[in-house]
Protein backbone atom coordinates (compact mmCIF):
# COMPACT_ATOMS: atom_id res chain seq x y z
CA MET A 1 102.66 112.57 86.99
CA LYS A 2 102.25 109.18 85.47
CA ARG A 3 99.94 106.40 87.45
CA LYS A 4 100.44 102.78 86.49
CA LEU A 5 96.57 102.17 86.80
CA MET A 6 96.11 104.27 83.95
CA SER A 7 96.91 101.34 81.38
CA ASP A 8 94.09 99.01 83.35
CA LEU A 9 91.74 101.92 82.94
CA ILE A 10 92.63 101.70 79.25
CA ARG A 11 91.79 97.98 78.99
CA TRP A 12 88.48 98.36 80.94
CA LYS A 13 87.57 100.90 78.46
CA ASN A 14 87.88 98.48 75.62
CA LYS A 15 86.96 95.06 76.96
CA LYS A 16 83.71 93.88 75.10
CA HIS A 17 81.93 93.16 78.37
CA ARG A 18 82.38 96.15 80.12
CA LYS A 19 80.42 96.79 83.32
CA PRO A 20 80.69 100.30 85.67
CA LEU A 21 83.76 100.56 86.89
CA ILE A 22 84.70 101.18 90.80
CA LEU A 23 87.73 102.51 91.40
CA TRP A 24 88.42 102.21 95.35
CA GLY A 25 91.25 103.90 97.36
CA ALA A 26 91.69 105.94 100.59
CA ARG A 27 91.33 109.50 100.74
CA GLN A 28 94.27 111.40 99.14
CA THR A 29 95.50 108.66 96.82
CA GLY A 30 94.41 110.34 93.70
CA LYS A 31 91.14 108.50 92.48
CA THR A 32 89.57 111.93 91.59
CA TRP A 33 92.79 113.25 89.58
CA LEU A 34 93.26 109.86 87.72
CA MET A 35 89.62 109.65 86.82
CA LYS A 36 89.52 113.04 85.52
CA GLU A 37 92.96 112.28 83.23
CA PHE A 38 91.33 109.16 82.04
CA GLY A 39 88.59 111.33 80.80
CA ARG A 40 90.79 114.01 79.20
CA THR A 41 93.33 111.71 77.47
CA GLU A 42 91.06 108.76 76.26
CA TYR A 43 87.69 110.23 75.78
CA SER A 44 86.17 113.32 73.30
CA HIS A 45 84.01 114.66 76.31
CA THR A 46 83.50 113.66 80.10
CA VAL A 47 80.99 114.52 82.57
CA TYR A 48 82.06 114.68 86.26
CA ILE A 49 79.39 114.78 89.08
CA SER A 50 80.62 114.78 92.69
CA PHE A 51 77.94 113.66 95.16
CA TYR A 52 79.63 115.39 97.94
CA ASN A 53 76.95 118.06 99.69
CA ASN A 54 74.82 117.70 96.37
CA SER A 55 71.35 117.18 96.97
CA ARG A 56 70.22 118.48 93.90
CA ILE A 57 72.01 115.98 91.51
CA TYR A 58 71.17 113.32 94.10
CA ASN A 59 67.65 113.63 94.26
CA LEU A 60 67.71 112.88 90.63
CA PHE A 61 68.23 109.08 91.40
CA GLU A 62 65.20 109.45 94.22
CA ARG A 63 62.20 108.57 91.85
CA ASP A 64 63.67 105.29 90.02
CA TYR A 65 66.46 103.75 88.44
CA ASP A 66 65.11 103.98 85.02
CA VAL A 67 69.01 104.76 83.50
CA LYS A 68 67.63 106.65 80.54
CA ARG A 69 65.47 108.85 82.51
CA ILE A 70 68.65 109.66 84.85
CA ILE A 71 70.76 110.53 81.77
CA ARG A 72 68.27 112.85 80.42
CA ALA A 73 67.89 114.59 83.68
CA LEU A 74 71.80 114.96 84.27
CA GLU A 75 71.79 116.37 80.90
CA THR A 76 69.07 119.15 81.65
CA GLU A 77 70.33 119.72 84.91
CA LEU A 78 74.11 120.04 84.19
CA HIS A 79 73.74 121.51 80.77
CA GLU A 80 75.65 118.77 79.01
CA THR A 81 75.32 115.86 76.46
CA ILE A 82 76.11 112.36 77.61
CA ASN A 83 76.65 110.67 74.17
CA VAL A 84 77.42 106.74 75.46
CA GLU A 85 79.79 106.82 72.15
CA ASN A 86 82.42 109.38 73.51
CA THR A 87 81.76 110.34 76.75
CA LEU A 88 83.25 109.45 80.41
CA LEU A 89 80.73 109.97 83.06
CA ILE A 90 82.34 109.99 86.58
CA PHE A 91 80.55 109.88 89.70
CA ASP A 92 82.44 111.04 92.68
CA GLU A 93 82.53 110.41 96.27
CA ILE A 94 79.37 107.96 95.85
CA GLN A 95 79.61 106.83 99.55
CA SER A 96 77.25 110.13 100.23
CA ALA A 97 75.04 108.57 97.72
CA PRO A 98 73.55 105.10 98.47
CA ARG A 99 70.81 105.34 95.62
CA VAL A 100 73.98 106.21 93.08
CA VAL A 101 75.73 103.19 94.12
CA GLU A 102 72.49 100.94 93.68
CA SER A 103 71.92 102.66 90.46
CA LEU A 104 75.26 100.83 88.90
CA LYS A 105 73.51 97.46 88.71
CA TYR A 106 70.59 99.09 86.39
CA PHE A 107 73.68 101.06 84.47
CA CYS A 108 75.10 97.65 83.93
CA GLU A 109 72.06 95.94 82.92
CA ASP A 110 70.38 98.82 80.62
CA LEU A 111 73.06 100.91 79.61
CA PRO A 112 75.99 98.68 79.03
CA GLU A 113 77.66 100.60 76.48
CA LEU A 114 77.82 103.92 78.61
CA SER A 115 81.42 104.56 79.91
CA LEU A 116 80.69 104.97 84.00
CA ILE A 117 83.27 105.14 86.61
CA SER A 118 83.00 105.88 89.81
CA ALA A 119 84.69 106.45 93.35
CA GLY A 120 84.23 107.11 97.03
CA SER A 121 86.80 107.90 99.69
CA LEU A 122 84.76 105.84 102.63
CA LEU A 123 82.78 103.66 100.20
CA GLY A 124 84.09 100.67 101.76
CA VAL A 125 83.05 102.12 105.45
CA SER A 126 79.37 103.09 104.04
CA ILE A 127 78.66 99.06 102.08
CA HIS A 128 79.23 97.47 105.55
CA GLU A 129 77.02 100.29 107.03
CA GLY A 130 74.33 99.33 104.77
CA ILE A 131 74.42 100.51 101.45
CA SER A 132 72.94 97.95 99.02
CA PHE A 133 76.49 96.80 96.73
CA PRO A 134 75.38 95.58 92.90
CA VAL A 135 77.43 92.53 93.32
CA GLY A 136 78.36 91.03 90.12
CA LYS A 137 77.22 94.07 88.17
CA THR A 138 80.82 96.26 88.60
CA ASP A 139 84.18 96.10 87.28
CA GLU A 140 86.49 97.38 90.20
CA LEU A 141 90.11 98.36 90.27
CA SER A 142 92.32 100.13 93.19
CA LEU A 143 94.67 102.56 93.83
CA HIS A 144 97.10 102.90 96.23
CA PRO A 145 99.68 105.13 97.21
CA MET A 146 102.70 105.64 94.28
CA ASP A 147 105.08 102.77 94.35
CA PHE A 148 108.67 103.59 93.99
CA GLN A 149 108.91 103.22 90.36
CA GLU A 150 106.02 105.62 90.29
CA PHE A 151 107.73 108.02 92.52
CA LEU A 152 110.80 107.82 90.03
CA MET A 153 108.64 108.92 86.78
CA ALA A 154 107.20 111.64 89.43
CA ILE A 155 110.43 113.36 89.93
CA GLY A 156 111.86 113.00 86.39
CA GLU A 157 113.83 109.83 86.79
CA ASN A 158 112.52 107.78 84.16
CA ASN A 159 115.40 105.67 82.96
CA LEU A 160 116.06 104.60 86.35
CA SER A 161 112.13 103.80 86.77
CA GLU A 162 112.63 101.55 83.88
CA TYR A 163 115.92 99.73 84.64
CA ILE A 164 114.03 98.71 87.81
CA ASN A 165 112.68 95.86 85.84
CA ASP A 166 115.96 94.71 84.72
CA TYR A 167 117.20 94.33 88.39
CA THR A 168 119.55 91.31 87.68
CA SER A 169 121.90 93.37 85.32
CA VAL A 170 125.39 93.56 86.49
CA GLU A 171 125.43 96.71 84.85
CA LEU A 172 123.26 98.51 87.56
CA VAL A 173 125.31 97.73 90.42
CA ASP A 174 126.74 101.30 88.81
CA HIS A 175 123.68 103.00 89.60
CA ALA A 176 122.93 101.19 93.38
CA ASP A 177 123.53 104.31 95.19
CA ARG A 178 121.33 106.74 93.41
CA TYR A 179 118.89 104.12 93.83
CA LYS A 180 119.44 104.16 97.32
CA GLU A 181 119.83 107.88 97.74
CA LEU A 182 116.28 108.35 95.96
CA LEU A 183 114.90 105.67 97.83
CA ARG A 184 115.98 107.24 101.11
CA THR A 185 114.01 110.15 99.86
CA TYR A 186 111.03 108.30 98.87
CA PHE A 187 110.85 107.05 102.47
CA CYS A 188 110.47 110.32 103.85
CA THR A 189 108.15 111.77 101.12
CA GLY A 190 105.91 108.28 100.63
CA GLY A 191 103.50 107.94 98.09
CA MET A 192 100.81 110.31 98.38
CA PRO A 193 100.46 112.46 95.15
CA GLU A 194 99.92 115.54 96.82
CA VAL A 195 103.03 115.13 99.21
CA VAL A 196 105.01 113.79 95.97
CA LEU A 197 103.91 117.04 94.13
CA ARG A 198 104.73 119.22 96.39
CA TYR A 199 108.58 117.72 96.95
CA THR A 200 108.83 117.98 93.15
CA GLU A 201 108.01 121.83 93.35
CA THR A 202 109.52 122.86 96.50
CA HIS A 203 112.41 120.22 97.84
CA ASP A 204 111.42 121.60 101.24
CA TRP A 205 111.43 119.14 103.95
CA LYS A 206 109.28 121.08 105.92
CA GLU A 207 106.27 121.89 103.70
CA VAL A 208 106.38 117.94 102.79
CA ARG A 209 105.97 117.23 106.77
CA GLU A 210 103.18 120.07 106.74
CA VAL A 211 101.20 118.36 103.98
CA GLN A 212 101.70 114.72 105.21
CA LEU A 213 100.10 116.08 108.84
CA MET A 214 97.35 118.07 107.04
CA ILE A 215 96.44 114.14 105.24
CA THR A 216 96.77 112.83 108.61
CA ASN A 217 94.41 115.29 110.31
CA GLN A 218 92.00 114.71 107.51
CA TYR A 219 92.07 111.17 108.23
CA GLU A 220 91.35 111.73 111.65
CA GLY A 221 88.43 114.35 111.15
CA ASP A 222 86.93 111.37 109.26
CA PHE A 223 87.29 109.68 112.22
CA GLY A 224 84.73 112.03 113.96
CA LYS A 225 82.70 112.55 111.23
CA HIS A 226 81.76 109.13 110.32
CA VAL A 227 82.29 106.68 113.25
CA ASN A 228 79.92 105.34 116.10
CA PRO A 229 80.93 107.81 118.81
CA ARG A 230 81.17 104.26 121.08
CA GLU A 231 84.17 102.87 118.45
CA LEU A 232 85.87 106.67 118.30
CA PRO A 233 88.24 106.20 121.11
CA ARG A 234 89.47 102.28 119.70
CA ILE A 235 89.96 103.63 116.35
CA ARG A 236 92.30 106.87 117.52
CA MET A 237 94.20 104.22 119.82
CA ILE A 238 94.69 101.69 116.94
CA TRP A 239 95.58 104.13 114.20
CA ASN A 240 97.68 106.27 116.82
CA HIS A 241 99.45 103.16 118.11
CA LEU A 242 100.65 101.76 114.91
CA PRO A 243 103.88 103.28 114.93
CA ILE A 244 104.59 102.07 118.50
CA GLN A 245 103.49 98.20 117.29
CA LEU A 246 106.07 98.13 113.87
CA ALA A 247 108.90 99.61 116.28
CA LYS A 248 108.64 96.05 118.03
CA GLU A 249 111.03 93.19 116.78
CA ASN A 250 108.10 91.34 116.77
CA LYS A 251 105.68 93.13 114.42
CA LYS A 252 101.95 91.25 115.31
CA PHE A 253 99.73 93.53 116.73
CA PHE A 254 99.25 92.93 120.50
CA PHE A 255 96.54 94.87 122.13
CA GLY A 256 97.91 94.19 125.63
CA GLN A 257 100.13 96.92 124.58
CA MET A 258 97.76 99.55 123.68
CA LYS A 259 96.11 99.37 127.02
CA LYS A 260 96.74 96.54 129.71
CA GLY A 261 93.91 93.78 129.55
CA ALA A 262 93.07 94.87 125.99
CA ARG A 263 91.56 92.07 124.21
CA ARG A 264 91.37 91.60 120.43
CA SER A 265 87.50 91.19 120.26
CA GLU A 266 86.99 94.76 121.56
CA TYR A 267 88.93 96.28 118.85
CA GLU A 268 87.34 94.12 115.86
CA ILE A 269 84.94 96.64 114.50
CA ALA A 270 87.75 99.10 115.04
CA ILE A 271 90.10 97.74 112.94
CA GLN A 272 87.37 96.27 109.77
CA TRP A 273 86.88 100.38 109.76
CA LEU A 274 90.33 101.38 109.31
CA LYS A 275 90.88 98.61 106.79
CA ASP A 276 87.37 99.72 104.96
CA ALA A 277 88.63 103.16 104.95
CA GLY A 278 91.80 102.18 103.24
CA LEU A 279 93.86 103.40 105.86
CA VAL A 280 95.84 100.20 107.15
CA HIS A 281 96.62 96.67 105.89
CA LEU A 282 96.25 93.51 107.87
CA VAL A 283 98.51 90.81 107.18
CA PRO A 284 97.11 87.57 108.68
CA HIS A 285 99.10 84.92 110.23
CA VAL A 286 98.75 81.44 108.31
CA SER A 287 98.78 78.22 110.64
CA LYS A 288 100.20 76.37 107.71
CA PRO A 289 102.50 77.70 104.61
CA SER A 290 100.26 75.74 102.05
CA LEU A 291 98.13 76.01 99.17
CA PRO A 292 96.15 77.81 99.49
CA LEU A 293 97.40 80.20 101.87
CA LYS A 294 93.98 81.87 102.25
CA ALA A 295 92.45 78.52 103.71
CA TYR A 296 95.17 79.05 106.30
CA GLU A 297 94.35 82.03 107.71
CA ASP A 298 94.73 82.50 111.18
CA LEU A 299 93.07 85.90 111.96
CA ASN A 300 93.69 85.85 115.92
CA SER A 301 96.96 87.15 114.83
CA TYR A 302 98.15 89.59 112.43
CA LYS A 303 100.45 92.65 111.43
CA LEU A 304 98.97 95.98 110.94
CA PHE A 305 100.74 98.54 108.58
CA ALA A 306 99.69 101.85 107.58
CA LEU A 307 99.13 102.70 104.07
CA ASP A 308 101.80 105.16 103.29
CA ILE A 309 105.16 104.96 104.40
CA GLY A 310 105.50 108.69 104.43
CA ILE A 311 102.11 108.94 106.76
CA LEU A 312 103.52 106.46 108.96
CA GLY A 313 106.79 108.58 109.25
CA ALA A 314 104.82 111.62 110.16
CA LEU A 315 102.53 109.36 112.54
CA SER A 316 105.73 108.52 114.19
CA GLU A 317 107.23 112.08 114.28
CA LEU A 318 110.70 110.46 112.70
CA ASP A 319 113.15 113.16 111.57
CA ILE A 320 113.51 113.88 108.03
CA PRO A 321 116.91 114.92 107.93
CA THR A 322 118.27 111.85 110.12
CA ILE A 323 116.82 109.38 107.54
CA LEU A 324 118.23 111.05 104.52
CA LYS A 325 121.46 110.12 105.81
CA GLY A 326 123.53 107.20 104.97
CA ASN A 327 121.67 103.56 105.81
CA ILE A 328 119.76 105.19 108.86
CA ALA A 329 116.52 104.77 106.81
CA PHE A 330 116.70 101.50 106.26
CA THR A 331 118.02 100.47 109.78
CA GLU A 332 116.07 102.92 111.81
CA TYR A 333 112.98 102.24 113.76
CA LYS A 334 113.97 98.60 113.88
CA GLY A 335 113.39 98.34 110.05
CA ALA A 336 109.71 99.50 110.52
CA LEU A 337 109.97 101.68 107.37
CA THR A 338 111.39 99.13 105.19
CA GLU A 339 108.94 96.40 106.02
CA GLN A 340 106.61 98.90 105.35
CA TYR A 341 108.36 99.70 101.88
CA ILE A 342 108.04 95.88 101.05
CA LEU A 343 104.54 95.59 102.17
CA GLN A 344 103.41 98.49 99.87
CA GLU A 345 105.22 96.96 97.21
CA ILE A 346 103.07 93.94 97.29
CA ILE A 347 100.20 95.75 97.68
CA ALA A 348 100.89 97.87 94.40
CA ALA A 349 101.55 94.59 92.77
CA ASN A 350 98.09 93.38 93.32
CA LYS A 351 99.63 90.22 95.48
CA THR A 352 97.81 89.48 98.51
CA PRO A 353 100.85 89.07 101.64
CA TYR A 354 100.43 86.62 104.93
CA TYR A 355 103.28 85.84 107.51
CA TYR A 356 104.33 82.48 108.98
CA SER A 357 106.12 81.76 112.49
CA GLY A 358 107.21 78.27 113.60
CA GLU A 359 106.16 76.55 116.99
CA LYS A 360 106.54 79.00 119.57
CA SER A 361 107.99 81.40 117.46
CA THR A 362 111.21 80.13 117.47
CA TYR A 363 111.77 81.80 113.77
CA GLU A 364 109.55 83.90 111.27
CA VAL A 365 109.26 84.75 107.94
CA ASP A 366 108.16 88.38 107.29
CA PHE A 367 105.81 87.74 104.57
CA LEU A 368 104.34 84.92 102.39
CA LEU A 369 103.32 85.19 98.80
CA GLN A 370 101.11 82.40 96.59
CA GLY A 371 102.94 81.76 93.34
CA ASN A 372 102.67 79.26 90.81
CA ASN A 373 101.38 76.63 92.54
CA THR A 374 103.85 77.35 95.30
CA ILE A 375 104.63 79.48 98.07
CA ILE A 376 106.96 82.20 97.99
CA PRO A 377 108.93 82.99 101.21
CA ILE A 378 110.13 86.89 101.64
CA GLU A 379 112.34 87.94 104.21
CA VAL A 380 113.00 91.75 104.65
CA LYS A 381 116.48 93.08 105.83
CA SER A 382 117.62 96.20 106.91
CA GLU A 383 120.67 95.56 108.30
CA ASP A 384 124.25 94.51 107.11
CA ASN A 385 123.97 91.58 108.25
CA LEU A 386 122.69 89.57 105.94
CA ARG A 387 122.58 86.25 107.36
CA SER A 388 119.05 84.57 106.66
CA LYS A 389 118.69 81.78 109.39
CA SER A 390 115.11 81.90 109.72
CA LEU A 391 114.67 82.13 105.57
CA ARG A 392 116.92 79.36 105.47
CA PHE A 393 115.19 76.91 107.95
CA PHE A 394 111.92 77.77 106.41
CA TYR A 395 113.10 76.72 102.93
CA GLU A 396 114.96 73.63 104.02
CA LYS A 397 111.43 72.41 105.71
CA PHE A 398 109.06 73.15 103.14
CA LYS A 399 111.08 72.97 100.06
CA PRO A 400 109.19 75.64 98.16
CA GLU A 401 109.24 74.73 94.30
CA GLU A 402 110.58 78.82 93.81
CA SER A 403 113.69 80.28 95.20
CA ALA A 404 112.91 82.32 98.61
CA LEU A 405 113.40 86.03 98.18
CA ARG A 406 115.39 88.39 100.55
CA PHE A 407 115.08 92.21 99.86
CA SER A 408 118.09 94.00 101.22
CA THR A 409 120.44 96.91 100.69
CA ALA A 410 123.01 94.56 98.65
CA ASN A 411 122.96 94.00 95.08
CA TYR A 412 121.27 91.28 93.18
CA ARG A 413 122.62 87.51 94.35
CA ASN A 414 121.28 84.22 92.98
CA GLN A 415 122.11 81.62 95.64
CA GLU A 416 119.95 78.87 93.95
CA TRP A 417 117.73 78.69 96.92
CA MET A 418 117.47 82.20 97.69
CA LYS A 419 117.62 85.54 95.30
CA ASN A 420 118.84 88.53 97.02
CA ILE A 421 116.88 91.34 95.79
CA PRO A 422 118.17 95.01 96.29
CA LEU A 423 115.32 96.82 98.30
CA TRP A 424 115.24 99.76 95.08
CA ALA A 425 114.23 96.94 92.86
CA ALA A 426 111.28 94.91 94.65
CA ARG A 427 108.73 96.16 92.18
CA GLY A 428 110.79 94.92 89.48
CA VAL A 429 110.51 91.36 90.79
CA LEU A 430 106.93 91.36 92.72
CA GLY A 431 105.42 93.03 89.53
CA LYS A 432 106.01 89.95 87.23
CA LYS A 433 103.12 87.38 86.84
CA SER A 434 103.10 84.61 89.04
């Protein structure tokens, strides 16, 4: 299994002014495997420490933040040698160890030559609950579920994975049906590494769904273990309501649809918890499609997406054999899967999505991205009807410097004002430097 983030880790290793690295990501996205694989392939020695239920090692950080003393104590306790020249030191599950998080500042200042990488599944939650974060003293990377290109590599379709970057090629029309077939498969598996691995090993959809449900059960178990009892019902309500909200034509999150009289202010903490845990992506509305988009965020209106399309399918209890037939995957569920997929490809490309709707919601652009001194409007089409009235209206009104993008099941087409990109090639265009 290959992850694109490995190249970012190698760049981090070779940085002249390297700081301890924090790897962000939700539970089950593959952080532990990636850190260990990085150590195995790039270092002659790796020392791995998990702080989950590991008070014996955690206590070594209690006395002070003398990092040289801590290294000596770790070597003695673990019967390991930690050589700054060839050792990768991994601190895992650091959300359970606040003093370890704080110690990263001192590793940065007093032992910068040491390669130190850390991760924690609920680290974002823990920081908001009072763990002191070493601002400016760490490098950071985020690991998300596998995108479609990584999925193709995982199932042995290396050539098709590479061709995605050449999405304008006429020759790729010959492979369009194969790409659609594999994209339908990806809609069912999603990008959680354990789910993809189970699919490659068994091709048994019952087992695939069992693994997905196991992961969702783990997430829901975290609700009970780490959430204030007062917020627990709200978090569960939002989590369970995600599929219902995305099934609407208008995918703006309506609180009144969950519970009569519900107000946004009542659920702000619950949504923040799910965001900090990496379980949802919030796409804010912008009041004006101008640069910088961040300045025009309207956090009173937003869409909420799941972290992974396969997990969304499991939460929705979607029938996998049905999705695998024809174009149903792209049209079923009011296009929710298709929009979720494009959202994930945007996130995987390290871009920040927004959305825009005209006055009185007369039209809507599914996503907005900030490009090179311009705004890039994006429309996601899940049906064969490719008329793009909203996208065309937006383009003619605001006249962005770059072409609008439409993602659909159709082949590549350049219409000057708009480029139609095949759904399967989304990563090819989104992954380009803007």
